[in-house]
C-alpha cells in the first residue's frame, strides 16, 4: 500500500538530485530484498510512513512500513545500524522493531 507513496517520494528526491549534487540517490526496497543500513530518518507521504536507510553505497533505501513499525523505528538514533529482511521487517541487532 505504501509503495506508491515511496515511488512518489523517490521521484521528488531524484528530481532535486539532478539540481543539487550532494543529495544521495534514493531507491525503493525491492520485494524479496534484504540487507542492512544505517537509519537516516523517516517521512510520511500521503499518510503512508516511509523509513529511510543509508546503505554501504551511500544510497538511501526507502522502505514503506506500517504505523506500528514507524512508532518503533522513531526511537532509533540517526546512523544506528539496522537490518531488514526479505519481508521488509526491520530489526536492530537482536531486536525486532
PDB file of N, CA and C in Angstrom:
ATOM      1  N   UNK A   1       0.808  -1.223   0.000  1.00  0.00           N
ATOM      2  CA  UNK A   1       0.000   0.000   0.000  1.00  0.00           C
ATOM      3  C   UNK A   1       0.843   1.276   0.000  1.00  0.00           C
ATOM      4  N   UNK A   2       1.973   1.295   0.671  1.00  0.00           N
ATOM      5  CA  UNK A   2       2.801   2.492   0.716  1.00  0.00           C
ATOM      6  C   UNK A   2       3.794   2.584  -0.419  1.00  0.00           C
ATOM      7  N   UNK A   3       3.768   1.614  -1.322  1.00  0.00           N
ATOM      8  CA  UNK A   3       4.746   1.606  -2.417  1.00  0.00           C
ATOM      9  C   UNK A   3       4.553   2.802  -3.347  1.00  0.00           C
ATOM     10  N   UNK A   4       3.307   3.187  -3.595  1.00  0.00           N
ATOM     11  CA  UNK A   4       3.041   4.355  -4.448  1.00  0.00           C
ATOM     12  C   UNK A   4       3.587   5.628  -3.820  1.00  0.00           C
ATOM     13  N   UNK A   5       3.398   5.775  -2.505  1.00  0.00           N
ATOM     14  CA  UNK A   5       3.932   6.940  -1.795  1.00  0.00           C
ATOM     15  C   UNK A   5       5.457   6.932  -1.836  1.00  0.00           C
ATOM     16  N   UNK A   6       6.055   5.748  -1.698  1.00  0.00           N
ATOM     17  CA  UNK A   6       7.520   5.637  -1.757  1.00  0.00           C
ATOM     18  C   UNK A   6       8.030   6.035  -3.141  1.00  0.00           C
ATOM     19  N   UNK A   7       7.354   5.577  -4.179  1.00  0.00           N
ATOM     20  CA  UNK A   7       7.768   5.941  -5.546  1.00  0.00           C
ATOM     21  C   UNK A   7       7.648   7.447  -5.774  1.00  0.00           C
ATOM     22  N   UNK A   8       6.595   8.055  -5.239  1.00  0.00           N
ATOM     23  CA  UNK A   8       6.400   9.498  -5.356  1.00  0.00           C
ATOM     24  C   UNK A   8       7.532  10.248  -4.655  1.00  0.00           C
ATOM     25  N   UNK A   9       7.872   9.823  -3.441  1.00  0.00           N
ATOM     26  CA  UNK A   9       8.949  10.445  -2.681  1.00  0.00           C
ATOM     27  C   UNK A   9      10.287  10.296  -3.415  1.00  0.00           C
ATOM     28  N   UNK A  10      10.551   9.107  -3.937  1.00  0.00           N
ATOM     29  CA  UNK A  10      11.802   8.855  -4.661  1.00  0.00           C
ATOM     30  C   UNK A  10      11.887   9.737  -5.899  1.00  0.00           C
ATOM     31  N   UNK A  11      10.788   9.853  -6.634  1.00  0.00           N
ATOM     32  CA  UNK A  11      10.781  10.697  -7.839  1.00  0.00           C
ATOM     33  C   UNK A  11      11.075  12.153  -7.484  1.00  0.00           C
ATOM     34  N   UNK A  12      10.504  12.628  -6.387  1.00  0.00           N
ATOM     35  CA  UNK A  12      10.754  14.001  -5.941  1.00  0.00           C
ATOM     36  C   UNK A  12      12.221  14.203  -5.580  1.00  0.00           C
ATOM     37  N   UNK A  13      12.799  13.266  -4.815  1.00  0.00           N
ATOM     38  CA  UNK A  13      14.193  13.395  -4.411  1.00  0.00           C
ATOM     39  C   UNK A  13      15.147  13.280  -5.597  1.00  0.00           C
ATOM     40  N   UNK A  14      14.842  12.400  -6.534  1.00  0.00           N
ATOM     41  CA  UNK A  14      15.706  12.243  -7.710  1.00  0.00           C
ATOM     42  C   UNK A  14      15.660  13.491  -8.582  1.00  0.00           C
ATOM     43  N   UNK A  15      14.499  14.153  -8.659  1.00  0.00           N
ATOM     44  CA  UNK A  15      14.409  15.411  -9.413  1.00  0.00           C
ATOM     45  C   UNK A  15      15.270  16.485  -8.755  1.00  0.00           C
ATOM     46  N   UNK A  16      15.242  16.549  -7.421  1.00  0.00           N
ATOM     47  CA  UNK A  16      16.082  17.516  -6.709  1.00  0.00           C
ATOM     48  C   UNK A  16      17.549  17.155  -6.829  1.00  0.00           C
ATOM     49  N   UNK A  17      17.844  15.870  -6.890  1.00  0.00           N
ATOM     50  CA  UNK A  17      19.233  15.415  -7.012  1.00  0.00           C
ATOM     51  C   UNK A  17      19.848  15.872  -8.324  1.00  0.00           C
ATOM     52  N   UNK A  18      19.017  16.001  -9.354  1.00  0.00           N
ATOM     53  CA  UNK A  18      19.516  16.477 -10.644  1.00  0.00           C
ATOM     54  C   UNK A  18      20.002  17.927 -10.534  1.00  0.00           C
ATOM     55  N   UNK A  19      19.428  18.679  -9.596  1.00  0.00           N
ATOM     56  CA  UNK A  19      19.805  20.085  -9.416  1.00  0.00           C
ATOM     57  C   UNK A  19      20.848  20.289  -8.325  1.00  0.00           C
ATOM     58  N   UNK A  20      20.811  19.426  -7.297  1.00  0.00           N
ATOM     59  CA  UNK A  20      21.707  19.565  -6.153  1.00  0.00           C
ATOM     60  C   UNK A  20      22.557  18.299  -6.057  1.00  0.00           C
ATOM     61  N   UNK A  21      23.837  18.444  -6.288  1.00  0.00           N
ATOM     62  CA  UNK A  21      24.723  17.290  -6.437  1.00  0.00           C
ATOM     63  C   UNK A  21      24.895  16.453  -5.172  1.00  0.00           C
ATOM     64  N   UNK A  22      24.782  17.038  -3.981  1.00  0.00           N
ATOM     65  CA  UNK A  22      25.094  16.266  -2.776  1.00  0.00           C
ATOM     66  C   UNK A  22      23.901  15.510  -2.189  1.00  0.00           C
ATOM     67  N   UNK A  23      22.781  15.454  -2.899  1.00  0.00           N
ATOM     68  CA  UNK A  23      21.658  14.619  -2.461  1.00  0.00           C
ATOM     69  C   UNK A  23      21.939  13.187  -2.930  1.00  0.00           C
ATOM     70  N   UNK A  24      21.934  12.221  -2.002  1.00  0.00           N
ATOM     71  CA  UNK A  24      22.237  10.836  -2.413  1.00  0.00           C
ATOM     72  C   UNK A  24      21.119  10.227  -3.247  1.00  0.00           C
ATOM     73  N   UNK A  25      21.473   9.229  -4.009  1.00  0.00           N
ATOM     74  CA  UNK A  25      20.492   8.502  -4.816  1.00  0.00           C
ATOM     75  C   UNK A  25      19.525   7.774  -3.889  1.00  0.00           C
ATOM     76  N   UNK A  26      18.242   7.811  -4.224  1.00  0.00           N
ATOM     77  CA  UNK A  26      17.206   7.130  -3.447  1.00  0.00           C
ATOM     78  C   UNK A  26      16.682   5.954  -4.261  1.00  0.00           C
ATOM     79  N   UNK A  27      16.421   4.833  -3.601  1.00  0.00           N
ATOM     80  CA  UNK A  27      15.926   3.638  -4.293  1.00  0.00           C
ATOM     81  C   UNK A  27      14.897   2.939  -3.415  1.00  0.00           C
ATOM     82  N   UNK A  28      13.918   2.345  -4.045  1.00  0.00           N
ATOM     83  CA  UNK A  28      12.892   1.587  -3.350  1.00  0.00           C
ATOM     84  C   UNK A  28      13.422   0.198  -3.019  1.00  0.00           C
ATOM     85  N   UNK A  29      13.121  -0.278  -1.820  1.00  0.00           N
ATOM     86  CA  UNK A  29      13.492  -1.652  -1.473  1.00  0.00           C
ATOM     87  C   UNK A  29      12.668  -2.574  -2.355  1.00  0.00           C
ATOM     88  N   UNK A  30      13.343  -3.436  -3.056  1.00  0.00           N
ATOM     89  CA  UNK A  30      12.664  -4.358  -3.958  1.00  0.00           C
ATOM     90  C   UNK A  30      12.102  -5.536  -3.159  1.00  0.00           C
ATOM     91  N   UNK A  31      10.926  -6.034  -3.536  1.00  0.00           N
ATOM     92  CA  UNK A  31      10.371  -7.200  -2.836  1.00  0.00           C
ATOM     93  C   UNK A  31      11.370  -8.355  -2.851  1.00  0.00           C
ATOM     94  N   UNK A  32      11.524  -9.002  -1.725  1.00  0.00           N
ATOM     95  CA  UNK A  32      12.457 -10.121  -1.620  1.00  0.00           C
ATOM     96  C   UNK A  32      13.882  -9.702  -1.328  1.00  0.00           C
ATOM     97  N   UNK A  33      14.126  -8.392  -1.230  1.00  0.00           N
ATOM     98  CA  UNK A  33      15.474  -7.892  -0.964  1.00  0.00           C
ATOM     99  C   UNK A  33      15.657  -7.674   0.538  1.00  0.00           C
ATOM    100  N   UNK A  34      16.735  -8.164   1.084  1.00  0.00           N
ATOM    101  CA  UNK A  34      17.083  -7.946   2.479  1.00  0.00           C
ATOM    102  C   UNK A  34      18.435  -7.278   2.545  1.00  0.00           C
ATOM    103  N   UNK A  35      18.819  -6.844   3.717  1.00  0.00           N
ATOM    104  CA  UNK A  35      20.132  -6.221   3.853  1.00  0.00           C
ATOM    105  C   UNK A  35      20.246  -5.434   5.126  1.00  0.00           C
ATOM    106  N   UNK A  36      21.173  -4.492   5.125  1.00  0.00           N
ATOM    107  CA  UNK A  36      21.384  -3.658   6.303  1.00  0.00           C
ATOM    108  C   UNK A  36      21.633  -2.233   5.858  1.00  0.00           C
ATOM    109  N   UNK A  37      21.544  -1.345   6.805  1.00  0.00           N
ATOM    110  CA  UNK A  37      21.792   0.056   6.521  1.00  0.00           C
ATOM    111  C   UNK A  37      21.811   0.845   7.811  1.00  0.00           C
ATOM    112  N   UNK A  38      22.100   2.104   7.694  1.00  0.00           N
ATOM    113  CA  UNK A  38      22.106   2.999   8.848  1.00  0.00           C
ATOM    114  C   UNK A  38      20.855   3.862   8.791  1.00  0.00           C
ATOM    115  N   UNK A  39      20.193   3.993   9.930  1.00  0.00           N
ATOM    116  CA  UNK A  39      18.954   4.762   9.999  1.00  0.00           C
ATOM    117  C   UNK A  39      19.218   6.198   9.565  1.00  0.00           C
ATOM    118  N   UNK A  40      18.454   6.660   8.576  1.00  0.00           N
ATOM    119  CA  UNK A  40      18.644   8.003   8.031  1.00  0.00           C
ATOM    120  C   UNK A  40      17.391   8.858   8.174  1.00  0.00           C
ATOM    121  N   UNK A  41      16.397   8.368   8.909  1.00  0.00           N
ATOM    122  CA  UNK A  41      15.199   9.166   9.140  1.00  0.00           C
ATOM    123  C   UNK A  41      13.943   8.486   8.640  1.00  0.00           C
ATOM    124  N   UNK A  42      12.860   9.243   8.674  1.00  0.00           N
ATOM    125  CA  UNK A  42      11.579   8.734   8.205  1.00  0.00           C
ATOM    126  C   UNK A  42      10.791   9.887   7.600  1.00  0.00           C
ATOM    127  N   UNK A  43       9.864   9.557   6.757  1.00  0.00           N
ATOM    128  CA  UNK A  43       8.978  10.537   6.129  1.00  0.00           C
ATOM    129  C   UNK A  43       7.581   9.962   6.124  1.00  0.00           C
ATOM    130  N   UNK A  44       6.596  10.835   6.044  1.00  0.00           N
ATOM    131  CA  UNK A  44       5.222  10.390   5.886  1.00  0.00           C
ATOM    132  C   UNK A  44       4.662  11.107   4.670  1.00  0.00           C
ATOM    133  N   UNK A  45       4.365  10.349   3.623  1.00  0.00           N
ATOM    134  CA  UNK A  45       3.858  10.876   2.366  1.00  0.00           C
ATOM    135  C   UNK A  45       2.441  10.351   2.172  1.00  0.00           C
ATOM    136  N   UNK A  46       1.489  11.251   2.016  1.00  0.00           N
ATOM    137  CA  UNK A  46       0.083  10.866   1.825  1.00  0.00           C
ATOM    138  C   UNK A  46      -0.380   9.867   2.887  1.00  0.00           C
ATOM    139  N   UNK A  47       0.000  10.125   4.140  1.00  0.00           N
ATOM    140  CA  UNK A  47      -0.361   9.288   5.285  1.00  0.00           C
ATOM    141  C   UNK A  47       0.250   7.889   5.246  1.00  0.00           C
ATOM    142  N   UNK A  48       1.268   7.697   4.412  1.00  0.00           N
ATOM    143  CA  UNK A  48       1.990   6.423   4.354  1.00  0.00           C
ATOM    144  C   UNK A  48       3.387   6.633   4.928  1.00  0.00           C
ATOM    145  N   UNK A  49       3.737   5.941   6.013  1.00  0.00           N
ATOM    146  CA  UNK A  49       5.071   6.114   6.610  1.00  0.00           C
ATOM    147  C   UNK A  49       6.159   5.407   5.801  1.00  0.00           C
ATOM    148  N   UNK A  50       7.298   6.068   5.697  1.00  0.00           N
ATOM    149  CA  UNK A  50       8.456   5.537   4.976  1.00  0.00           C
ATOM    150  C   UNK A  50       9.675   5.635   5.885  1.00  0.00           C
ATOM    151  N   UNK A  51      10.474   4.583   5.919  1.00  0.00           N
ATOM    152  CA  UNK A  51      11.725   4.584   6.671  1.00  0.00           C
ATOM    153  C   UNK A  51      12.863   4.713   5.669  1.00  0.00           C
ATOM    154  N   UNK A  52      13.854   5.543   6.010  1.00  0.00           N
ATOM    155  CA  UNK A  52      14.998   5.780   5.138  1.00  0.00           C
ATOM    156  C   UNK A  52      16.244   5.180   5.766  1.00  0.00           C
ATOM    157  N   UNK A  53      16.940   4.351   5.002  1.00  0.00           N
ATOM    158  CA  UNK A  53      18.180   3.719   5.459  1.00  0.00           C
ATOM    159  C   UNK A  53      19.288   4.008   4.462  1.00  0.00           C
ATOM    160  N   UNK A  54      20.447   4.387   4.951  1.00  0.00           N
ATOM    161  CA  UNK A  54      21.598   4.632   4.071  1.00  0.00           C
ATOM    162  C   UNK A  54      22.403   3.350   3.991  1.00  0.00           C
ATOM    163  N   UNK A  55      22.614   2.842   2.770  1.00  0.00           N
ATOM    164  CA  UNK A  55      23.364   1.595   2.614  1.00  0.00           C
ATOM    165  C   UNK A  55      24.854   1.876   2.424  1.00  0.00           C
ATOM    166  N   UNK A  56      25.618   0.822   2.213  1.00  0.00           N
ATOM    167  CA  UNK A  56      27.084   0.958   2.090  1.00  0.00           C
ATOM    168  C   UNK A  56      27.510   1.770   0.878  1.00  0.00           C
ATOM    169  N   UNK A  57      26.648   1.833  -0.137  1.00  0.00           N
ATOM    170  CA  UNK A  57      26.969   2.589  -1.350  1.00  0.00           C
ATOM    171  C   UNK A  57      26.543   4.047  -1.226  1.00  0.00           C
ATOM    172  N   UNK A  58      26.168   4.482  -0.022  1.00  0.00           N
ATOM    173  CA  UNK A  58      25.707   5.846   0.257  1.00  0.00           C
ATOM    174  C   UNK A  58      24.397   6.155  -0.455  1.00  0.00           C
ATOM    175  N   UNK A  59      23.643   5.132  -0.814  1.00  0.00           N
ATOM    176  CA  UNK A  59      22.305   5.324  -1.362  1.00  0.00           C
ATOM    177  C   UNK A  59      21.305   5.288  -0.213  1.00  0.00           C
ATOM    178  N   UNK A  60      20.164   5.918  -0.408  1.00  0.00           N
ATOM    179  CA  UNK A  60      19.098   5.878   0.580  1.00  0.00           C
ATOM    180  C   UNK A  60      18.076   4.849   0.118  1.00  0.00           C
ATOM    181  N   UNK A  61      17.860   3.824   0.930  1.00  0.00           N
ATOM    182  CA  UNK A  61      16.853   2.804   0.651  1.00  0.00           C
ATOM    183  C   UNK A  61      15.562   3.248   1.336  1.00  0.00           C
ATOM    184  N   UNK A  62      14.475   3.284   0.576  1.00  0.00           N
ATOM    185  CA  UNK A  62      13.177   3.723   1.085  1.00  0.00           C
ATOM    186  C   UNK A  62      12.320   2.480   1.332  1.00  0.00           C
ATOM    187  N   UNK A  63      11.883   2.302   2.582  1.00  0.00           N
ATOM    188  CA  UNK A  63      11.058   1.148   2.952  1.00  0.00           C
ATOM    189  C   UNK A  63       9.684   1.618   3.416  1.00  0.00           C
ATOM    190  N   UNK A  64       8.622   1.254   2.710  1.00  0.00           N
ATOM    191  CA  UNK A  64       7.279   1.537   3.224  1.00  0.00           C
ATOM    192  C   UNK A  64       7.020   0.634   4.438  1.00  0.00           C
ATOM    193  N   UNK A  65       6.472   1.199   5.512  1.00  0.00           N
ATOM    194  CA  UNK A  65       6.181   0.442   6.729  1.00  0.00           C
ATOM    195  C   UNK A  65       4.782   0.803   7.215  1.00  0.00           C
ATOM    196  N   UNK A  66       4.304   0.076   8.218  1.00  0.00           N
ATOM    197  CA  UNK A  66       3.019   0.433   8.820  1.00  0.00           C
ATOM    198  C   UNK A  66       3.261   1.394   9.987  1.00  0.00           C
ATOM    199  N   UNK A  67       2.182   1.934  10.545  1.00  0.00           N
ATOM    200  CA  UNK A  67       2.296   2.928  11.614  1.00  0.00           C
ATOM    201  C   UNK A  67       2.940   2.345  12.878  1.00  0.00           C
ATOM    202  N   UNK A  68       2.669   1.078  13.173  1.00  0.00           N
ATOM    203  CA  UNK A  68       3.260   0.448  14.365  1.00  0.00           C
ATOM    204  C   UNK A  68       4.776   0.348  14.215  1.00  0.00           C
ATOM    205  N   UNK A  69       5.243  -0.050  13.031  1.00  0.00           N
ATOM    206  CA  UNK A  69       6.685  -0.144  12.790  1.00  0.00           C
ATOM    207  C   UNK A  69       7.320   1.242  12.857  1.00  0.00           C
ATOM    208  N   UNK A  70       6.632   2.242  12.330  1.00  0.00           N
ATOM    209  CA  UNK A  70       7.164   3.601  12.378  1.00  0.00           C
ATOM    210  C   UNK A  70       7.337   4.068  13.823  1.00  0.00           C
ATOM    211  N   UNK A  71       6.358   3.771  14.671  1.00  0.00           N
ATOM    212  CA  UNK A  71       6.451   4.169  16.078  1.00  0.00           C
ATOM    213  C   UNK A  71       7.678   3.553  16.741  1.00  0.00           C
ATOM    214  N   UNK A  72       8.001   2.318  16.396  1.00  0.00           N
ATOM    215  CA  UNK A  72       9.172   1.660  16.980  1.00  0.00           C
ATOM    216  C   UNK A  72      10.466   2.223  16.397  1.00  0.00           C
ATOM    217  N   UNK A  73      10.468   2.499  15.098  1.00  0.00           N
ATOM    218  CA  UNK A  73      11.671   2.990  14.421  1.00  0.00           C
ATOM    219  C   UNK A  73      12.009   4.413  14.863  1.00  0.00           C
ATOM    220  N   UNK A  74      11.014   5.187  15.245  1.00  0.00           N
ATOM    221  CA  UNK A  74      11.263   6.570  15.673  1.00  0.00           C
ATOM    222  C   UNK A  74      12.192   6.651  16.880  1.00  0.00           C
ATOM    223  N   UNK A  75      12.318   5.569  17.623  1.00  0.00           N
ATOM    224  CA  UNK A  75      13.195   5.566  18.798  1.00  0.00           C
ATOM    225  C   UNK A  75      14.665   5.376  18.432  1.00  0.00           C
ATOM    226  N   UNK A  76      14.943   5.043  17.187  1.00  0.00           N
ATOM    227  CA  UNK A  76      16.330   4.843  16.756  1.00  0.00           C
ATOM    228  C   UNK A  76      17.057   6.173  16.672  1.00  0.00           C
ATOM    229  N   UNK A  77      18.369   6.111  16.850  1.00  0.00           N
ATOM    230  CA  UNK A  77      19.206   7.285  16.667  1.00  0.00           C
ATOM    231  C   UNK A  77      19.678   7.320  15.215  1.00  0.00           C
ATOM    232  N   UNK A  78      19.890   8.507  14.700  1.00  0.00           N
ATOM    233  CA  UNK A  78      20.398   8.662  13.338  1.00  0.00           C
ATOM    234  C   UNK A  78      21.740   7.941  13.230  1.00  0.00           C
ATOM    235  N   UNK A  79      21.924   7.199  12.170  1.00  0.00           N
ATOM    236  CA  UNK A  79      23.173   6.484  11.943  1.00  0.00           C
ATOM    237  C   UNK A  79      23.250   5.121  12.595  1.00  0.00           C
ATOM    238  N   UNK A  80      22.223   4.758  13.367  1.00  0.00           N
ATOM    239  CA  UNK A  80      22.228   3.455  14.034  1.00  0.00           C
ATOM    240  C   UNK A  80      22.023   2.345  12.994  1.00  0.00           C
ATOM    241  N   UNK A  81      22.804   1.273  13.102  1.00  0.00           N
ATOM    242  CA  UNK A  81      22.724   0.189  12.122  1.00  0.00           C
ATOM    243  C   UNK A  81      21.497  -0.682  12.382  1.00  0.00           C
ATOM    244  N   UNK A  82      20.766  -0.954  11.305  1.00  0.00           N
ATOM    245  CA  UNK A  82      19.603  -1.832  11.370  1.00  0.00           C
ATOM    246  C   UNK A  82      19.668  -2.806  10.203  1.00  0.00           C
ATOM    247  N   UNK A  83      18.890  -3.854  10.319  1.00  0.00           N
ATOM    248  CA  UNK A  83      18.818  -4.889   9.294  1.00  0.00           C
ATOM    249  C   UNK A  83      17.371  -5.015   8.843  1.00  0.00           C
ATOM    250  N   UNK A  84      17.164  -5.367   7.586  1.00  0.00           N
ATOM    251  CA  UNK A  84      15.810  -5.629   7.121  1.00  0.00           C
ATOM    252  C   UNK A  84      15.818  -6.922   6.329  1.00  0.00           C
ATOM    253  N   UNK A  85      14.747  -7.704   6.498  1.00  0.00           N
ATOM    254  CA  UNK A  85      14.692  -8.996   5.818  1.00  0.00           C
ATOM    255  C   UNK A  85      13.896  -8.896   4.521  1.00  0.00           C
ATOM    256  N   UNK A  86      13.695 -10.011   3.868  1.00  0.00           N
ATOM    257  CA  UNK A  86      13.026 -10.056   2.574  1.00  0.00           C
ATOM    258  C   UNK A  86      11.581  -9.571   2.645  1.00  0.00           C
ATOM    259  N   UNK A  87      10.970  -9.647   3.841  1.00  0.00           N
ATOM    260  CA  UNK A  87       9.584  -9.207   4.021  1.00  0.00           C
ATOM    261  C   UNK A  87       9.495  -7.734   4.403  1.00  0.00           C
ATOM    262  N   UNK A  88      10.633  -7.067   4.565  1.00  0.00           N
ATOM    263  CA  UNK A  88      10.643  -5.665   4.941  1.00  0.00           C
ATOM    264  C   UNK A  88      10.620  -5.433   6.442  1.00  0.00           C
ATOM    265  N   UNK A  89      10.714  -6.502   7.234  1.00  0.00           N
ATOM    266  CA  UNK A  89      10.741  -6.343   8.691  1.00  0.00           C
ATOM    267  C   UNK A  89      12.096  -5.782   9.099  1.00  0.00           C
ATOM    268  N   UNK A  90      12.067  -4.740   9.913  1.00  0.00           N
ATOM    269  CA  UNK A  90      13.287  -4.061  10.340  1.00  0.00           C
ATOM    270  C   UNK A  90      13.641  -4.522  11.746  1.00  0.00           C
ATOM    271  N   UNK A  91      14.938  -4.770  11.968  1.00  0.00           N
ATOM    272  CA  UNK A  91      15.367  -5.140  13.310  1.00  0.00           C
ATOM    273  C   UNK A  91      16.717  -4.512  13.599  1.00  0.00           C
ATOM    274  N   UNK A  92      16.951  -4.337  14.866  1.00  0.00           N
ATOM    275  CA  UNK A  92      18.232  -3.800  15.342  1.00  0.00           C
ATOM    276  C   UNK A  92      18.915  -4.938  16.064  1.00  0.00           C
ATOM    277  N   UNK A  93      20.099  -5.253  15.717  1.00  0.00           N
ATOM    278  CA  UNK A  93      20.894  -6.344  16.279  1.00  0.00           C
ATOM    279  C   UNK A  93      20.212  -7.057  17.449  1.00  0.00           C
ATOM    280  N   UNK A  94      19.452  -8.090  17.112  1.00  0.00           N
ATOM    281  CA  UNK A  94      18.803  -8.910  18.120  1.00  0.00           C
ATOM    282  C   UNK A  94      17.405  -8.463  18.496  1.00  0.00           C
ATOM    283  N   UNK A  95      16.983  -7.258  18.137  1.00  0.00           N
ATOM    284  CA  UNK A  95      15.653  -6.765  18.493  1.00  0.00           C
ATOM    285  C   UNK A  95      14.822  -6.516  17.251  1.00  0.00           C
ATOM    286  N   UNK A  96      13.602  -7.018  17.232  1.00  0.00           N
ATOM    287  CA  UNK A  96      12.687  -6.727  16.119  1.00  0.00           C
ATOM    288  C   UNK A  96      12.036  -5.385  16.394  1.00  0.00           C
ATOM    289  N   UNK A  97      11.994  -4.549  15.398  1.00  0.00           N
ATOM    290  CA  UNK A  97      11.373  -3.224  15.553  1.00  0.00           C
ATOM    291  C   UNK A  97      10.019  -3.184  14.883  1.00  0.00           C
TER     292      UNK A  97
END
